[in-house]
């Protein structure tokens, strides 16, 4: 019988993403992106413009 903690675990991801240098969509500076969908750098994410969007 499986324990309840085994049933509640997050499934393993289908892909393992590689951190990569990408240009920020707001400032165009290169930053290390953890996955392909991360396209705005941490510096720009702290701006009021990003937070208001």
PDB file of N, CA and C in Angstrom:
ATOM      1  N   UNK A   1       0.841  -1.188   0.000  1.00  0.00           N
ATOM      2  CA  UNK A   1       0.000   0.000   0.000  1.00  0.00           C
ATOM      3  C   UNK A   1       0.883   1.248   0.000  1.00  0.00           C
ATOM      4  N   UNK A   2       0.556   2.208  -0.829  1.00  0.00           N
ATOM      5  CA  UNK A   2       1.312   3.453  -0.927  1.00  0.00           C
ATOM      6  C   UNK A   2       0.940   4.386   0.207  1.00  0.00           C
ATOM      7  N   UNK A   3       1.917   5.136   0.653  1.00  0.00           N
ATOM      8  CA  UNK A   3       1.608   6.129   1.677  1.00  0.00           C
ATOM      9  C   UNK A   3       0.976   7.345   1.015  1.00  0.00           C
ATOM     10  N   UNK A   4       0.245   8.123   1.784  1.00  0.00           N
ATOM     11  CA  UNK A   4      -0.437   9.292   1.222  1.00  0.00           C
ATOM     12  C   UNK A   4       0.555  10.344   0.737  1.00  0.00           C
ATOM     13  N   UNK A   5       1.754  10.394   1.314  1.00  0.00           N
ATOM     14  CA  UNK A   5       2.737  11.384   0.872  1.00  0.00           C
ATOM     15  C   UNK A   5       3.249  11.066  -0.532  1.00  0.00           C
ATOM     16  N   UNK A   6       3.297   9.794  -0.923  1.00  0.00           N
ATOM     17  CA  UNK A   6       3.720   9.427  -2.272  1.00  0.00           C
ATOM     18  C   UNK A   6       2.685   9.860  -3.301  1.00  0.00           C
ATOM     19  N   UNK A   7       1.416   9.812  -2.961  1.00  0.00           N
ATOM     20  CA  UNK A   7       0.347  10.188  -3.881  1.00  0.00           C
ATOM     21  C   UNK A   7       0.313  11.695  -4.119  1.00  0.00           C
ATOM     22  N   UNK A   8       0.760  12.477  -3.153  1.00  0.00           N
ATOM     23  CA  UNK A   8       0.668  13.935  -3.222  1.00  0.00           C
ATOM     24  C   UNK A   8       1.919  14.600  -3.787  1.00  0.00           C
ATOM     25  N   UNK A   9       2.834  13.827  -4.334  1.00  0.00           N
ATOM     26  CA  UNK A   9       4.057  14.421  -4.860  1.00  0.00           C
ATOM     27  C   UNK A   9       3.821  15.024  -6.240  1.00  0.00           C
ATOM     28  N   UNK A  10       4.531  16.074  -6.514  1.00  0.00           N
ATOM     29  CA  UNK A  10       4.468  16.735  -7.811  1.00  0.00           C
ATOM     30  C   UNK A  10       5.083  15.801  -8.862  1.00  0.00           C
ATOM     31  N   UNK A  11       4.449  15.664 -10.016  1.00  0.00           N
ATOM     32  CA  UNK A  11       5.024  14.790 -11.044  1.00  0.00           C
ATOM     33  C   UNK A  11       6.340  15.345 -11.581  1.00  0.00           C
ATOM     34  N   UNK A  12       7.178  14.461 -12.065  1.00  0.00           N
ATOM     35  CA  UNK A  12       8.460  14.878 -12.630  1.00  0.00           C
ATOM     36  C   UNK A  12       8.214  15.649 -13.926  1.00  0.00           C
ATOM     37  N   UNK A  13       8.990  16.684 -14.188  1.00  0.00           N
ATOM     38  CA  UNK A  13       8.798  17.456 -15.424  1.00  0.00           C
ATOM     39  C   UNK A  13       9.121  16.615 -16.657  1.00  0.00           C
ATOM     40  N   UNK A  14       8.451  16.908 -17.763  1.00  0.00           N
ATOM     41  CA  UNK A  14       8.711  16.194 -19.008  1.00  0.00           C
ATOM     42  C   UNK A  14      10.088  16.536 -19.569  1.00  0.00           C
ATOM     43  N   UNK A  15      10.502  17.777 -19.371  1.00  0.00           N
ATOM     44  CA  UNK A  15      11.801  18.237 -19.865  1.00  0.00           C
ATOM     45  C   UNK A  15      12.611  18.828 -18.730  1.00  0.00           C
ATOM     46  N   UNK A  16      13.908  18.761 -18.892  1.00  0.00           N
ATOM     47  CA  UNK A  16      14.807  19.446 -17.969  1.00  0.00           C
ATOM     48  C   UNK A  16      15.377  20.631 -18.744  1.00  0.00           C
ATOM     49  N   UNK A  17      15.068  21.836 -18.289  1.00  0.00           N
ATOM     50  CA  UNK A  17      15.498  23.035 -18.994  1.00  0.00           C
ATOM     51  C   UNK A  17      16.894  23.441 -18.562  1.00  0.00           C
ATOM     52  N   UNK A  18      17.629  23.968 -19.504  1.00  0.00           N
ATOM     53  CA  UNK A  18      18.986  24.421 -19.261  1.00  0.00           C
ATOM     54  C   UNK A  18      18.990  25.944 -19.128  1.00  0.00           C
ATOM     55  N   UNK A  19      19.635  26.442 -18.090  1.00  0.00           N
ATOM     56  CA  UNK A  19      19.769  27.894 -17.931  1.00  0.00           C
ATOM     57  C   UNK A  19      20.570  28.432 -19.112  1.00  0.00           C
ATOM     58  N   UNK A  20      20.134  29.571 -19.632  1.00  0.00           N
ATOM     59  CA  UNK A  20      20.730  30.101 -20.851  1.00  0.00           C
ATOM     60  C   UNK A  20      20.702  31.627 -20.827  1.00  0.00           C
ATOM     61  N   UNK A  21      21.683  32.256 -21.468  1.00  0.00           N
ATOM     62  CA  UNK A  21      21.701  33.717 -21.598  1.00  0.00           C
ATOM     63  C   UNK A  21      20.686  34.112 -22.664  1.00  0.00           C
ATOM     64  N   UNK A  22      19.763  35.014 -22.286  1.00  0.00           N
ATOM     65  CA  UNK A  22      18.747  35.491 -23.219  1.00  0.00           C
ATOM     66  C   UNK A  22      18.621  37.005 -23.077  1.00  0.00           C
ATOM     67  N   UNK A  23      18.197  37.690 -24.140  1.00  0.00           N
ATOM     68  CA  UNK A  23      17.973  39.133 -24.023  1.00  0.00           C
ATOM     69  C   UNK A  23      16.630  39.408 -23.349  1.00  0.00           C
ATOM     70  N   UNK A  24      16.613  40.366 -22.451  1.00  0.00           N
ATOM     71  CA  UNK A  24      15.382  40.786 -21.778  1.00  0.00           C
ATOM     72  C   UNK A  24      14.485  41.480 -22.799  1.00  0.00           C
ATOM     73  N   UNK A  25      13.196  41.193 -22.773  1.00  0.00           N
ATOM     74  CA  UNK A  25      12.258  41.803 -23.713  1.00  0.00           C
ATOM     75  C   UNK A  25      11.992  43.273 -23.414  1.00  0.00           C
ATOM     76  N   UNK A  26      12.353  43.726 -22.220  1.00  0.00           N
ATOM     77  CA  UNK A  26      12.119  45.132 -21.877  1.00  0.00           C
ATOM     78  C   UNK A  26      13.359  45.993 -22.102  1.00  0.00           C
ATOM     79  N   UNK A  27      14.513  45.555 -21.602  1.00  0.00           N
ATOM     80  CA  UNK A  27      15.713  46.397 -21.677  1.00  0.00           C
ATOM     81  C   UNK A  27      16.772  45.874 -22.657  1.00  0.00           C
ATOM     82  N   UNK A  28      16.588  44.684 -23.169  1.00  0.00           N
ATOM     83  CA  UNK A  28      17.500  44.036 -24.126  1.00  0.00           C
ATOM     84  C   UNK A  28      18.844  43.624 -23.530  1.00  0.00           C
ATOM     85  N   UNK A  29      19.056  43.804 -22.227  1.00  0.00           N
ATOM     86  CA  UNK A  29      20.283  43.322 -21.595  1.00  0.00           C
ATOM     87  C   UNK A  29      20.220  41.804 -21.512  1.00  0.00           C
ATOM     88  N   UNK A  30      21.383  41.159 -21.621  1.00  0.00           N
ATOM     89  CA  UNK A  30      21.445  39.705 -21.485  1.00  0.00           C
ATOM     90  C   UNK A  30      21.336  39.335 -20.007  1.00  0.00           C
ATOM     91  N   UNK A  31      20.597  38.266 -19.714  1.00  0.00           N
ATOM     92  CA  UNK A  31      20.497  37.750 -18.352  1.00  0.00           C
ATOM     93  C   UNK A  31      20.382  36.236 -18.427  1.00  0.00           C
ATOM     94  N   UNK A  32      20.646  35.551 -17.324  1.00  0.00           N
ATOM     95  CA  UNK A  32      20.545  34.098 -17.295  1.00  0.00           C
ATOM     96  C   UNK A  32      19.111  33.707 -17.004  1.00  0.00           C
ATOM     97  N   UNK A  33      18.499  33.073 -17.973  1.00  0.00           N
ATOM     98  CA  UNK A  33      17.109  32.648 -17.891  1.00  0.00           C
ATOM     99  C   UNK A  33      17.071  31.174 -17.492  1.00  0.00           C
ATOM    100  N   UNK A  34      16.243  30.822 -16.516  1.00  0.00           N
ATOM    101  CA  UNK A  34      16.172  29.446 -16.029  1.00  0.00           C
ATOM    102  C   UNK A  34      15.414  28.516 -16.972  1.00  0.00           C
ATOM    103  N   UNK A  35      14.509  29.083 -17.758  1.00  0.00           N
ATOM    104  CA  UNK A  35      13.715  28.264 -18.686  1.00  0.00           C
ATOM    105  C   UNK A  35      13.280  29.133 -19.859  1.00  0.00           C
ATOM    106  N   UNK A  36      12.863  28.561 -20.988  1.00  0.00           N
ATOM    107  CA  UNK A  36      12.564  29.339 -22.193  1.00  0.00           C
ATOM    108  C   UNK A  36      11.483  30.404 -22.031  1.00  0.00           C
ATOM    109  N   UNK A  37      10.557  30.242 -21.121  1.00  0.00           N
ATOM    110  CA  UNK A  37       9.487  31.222 -20.940  1.00  0.00           C
ATOM    111  C   UNK A  37       9.874  32.425 -20.109  1.00  0.00           C
ATOM    112  N   UNK A  38      11.045  32.386 -19.495  1.00  0.00           N
ATOM    113  CA  UNK A  38      11.509  33.515 -18.673  1.00  0.00           C
ATOM    114  C   UNK A  38      12.251  34.488 -19.581  1.00  0.00           C
ATOM    115  N   UNK A  39      11.603  35.582 -19.952  1.00  0.00           N
ATOM    116  CA  UNK A  39      12.172  36.501 -20.927  1.00  0.00           C
ATOM    117  C   UNK A  39      12.328  37.920 -20.419  1.00  0.00           C
ATOM    118  N   UNK A  40      11.985  38.187 -19.159  1.00  0.00           N
ATOM    119  CA  UNK A  40      12.168  39.516 -18.570  1.00  0.00           C
ATOM    120  C   UNK A  40      13.136  39.355 -17.400  1.00  0.00           C
ATOM    121  N   UNK A  41      14.176  40.172 -17.384  1.00  0.00           N
ATOM    122  CA  UNK A  41      15.219  40.049 -16.360  1.00  0.00           C
ATOM    123  C   UNK A  41      14.701  40.467 -14.980  1.00  0.00           C
ATOM    124  N   UNK A  42      15.349  39.990 -13.921  1.00  0.00           N
ATOM    125  CA  UNK A  42      14.923  40.345 -12.561  1.00  0.00           C
ATOM    126  C   UNK A  42      14.931  41.852 -12.300  1.00  0.00           C
ATOM    127  N   UNK A  43      15.879  42.570 -12.898  1.00  0.00           N
ATOM    128  CA  UNK A  43      15.952  44.029 -12.714  1.00  0.00           C
ATOM    129  C   UNK A  43      14.682  44.693 -13.247  1.00  0.00           C
ATOM    130  N   UNK A  44      14.235  44.288 -14.419  1.00  0.00           N
ATOM    131  CA  UNK A  44      13.029  44.877 -15.014  1.00  0.00           C
ATOM    132  C   UNK A  44      11.763  44.439 -14.279  1.00  0.00           C
ATOM    133  N   UNK A  45      11.774  43.250 -13.711  1.00  0.00           N
ATOM    134  CA  UNK A  45      10.602  42.773 -12.971  1.00  0.00           C
ATOM    135  C   UNK A  45      10.362  43.587 -11.702  1.00  0.00           C
ATOM    136  N   UNK A  46      11.367  44.316 -11.244  1.00  0.00           N
ATOM    137  CA  UNK A  46      11.217  45.141 -10.049  1.00  0.00           C
ATOM    138  C   UNK A  46      10.698  46.537 -10.365  1.00  0.00           C
ATOM    139  N   UNK A  47      10.565  46.883 -11.632  1.00  0.00           N
ATOM    140  CA  UNK A  47      10.106  48.223 -12.001  1.00  0.00           C
ATOM    141  C   UNK A  47       8.593  48.346 -11.870  1.00  0.00           C
ATOM    142  N   UNK A  48       8.130  49.576 -11.690  1.00  0.00           N
ATOM    143  CA  UNK A  48       6.687  49.832 -11.602  1.00  0.00           C
ATOM    144  C   UNK A  48       5.981  49.496 -12.908  1.00  0.00           C
ATOM    145  N   UNK A  49       6.658  49.705 -14.025  1.00  0.00           N
ATOM    146  CA  UNK A  49       6.074  49.399 -15.331  1.00  0.00           C
ATOM    147  C   UNK A  49       5.716  47.917 -15.433  1.00  0.00           C
ATOM    148  N   UNK A  50       6.619  47.045 -14.987  1.00  0.00           N
ATOM    149  CA  UNK A  50       6.363  45.603 -15.028  1.00  0.00           C
ATOM    150  C   UNK A  50       5.270  45.219 -14.032  1.00  0.00           C
ATOM    151  N   UNK A  51       5.316  45.758 -12.840  1.00  0.00           N
ATOM    152  CA  UNK A  51       4.335  45.398 -11.807  1.00  0.00           C
ATOM    153  C   UNK A  51       2.931  45.864 -12.156  1.00  0.00           C
ATOM    154  N   UNK A  52       2.814  46.959 -12.899  1.00  0.00           N
ATOM    155  CA  UNK A  52       1.500  47.486 -13.264  1.00  0.00           C
ATOM    156  C   UNK A  52       0.881  46.729 -14.439  1.00  0.00           C
ATOM    157  N   UNK A  53       1.702  45.999 -15.170  1.00  0.00           N
ATOM    158  CA  UNK A  53       1.201  45.290 -16.370  1.00  0.00           C
ATOM    159  C   UNK A  53       0.371  44.084 -16.032  1.00  0.00           C
TER     160      UNK A  53
END
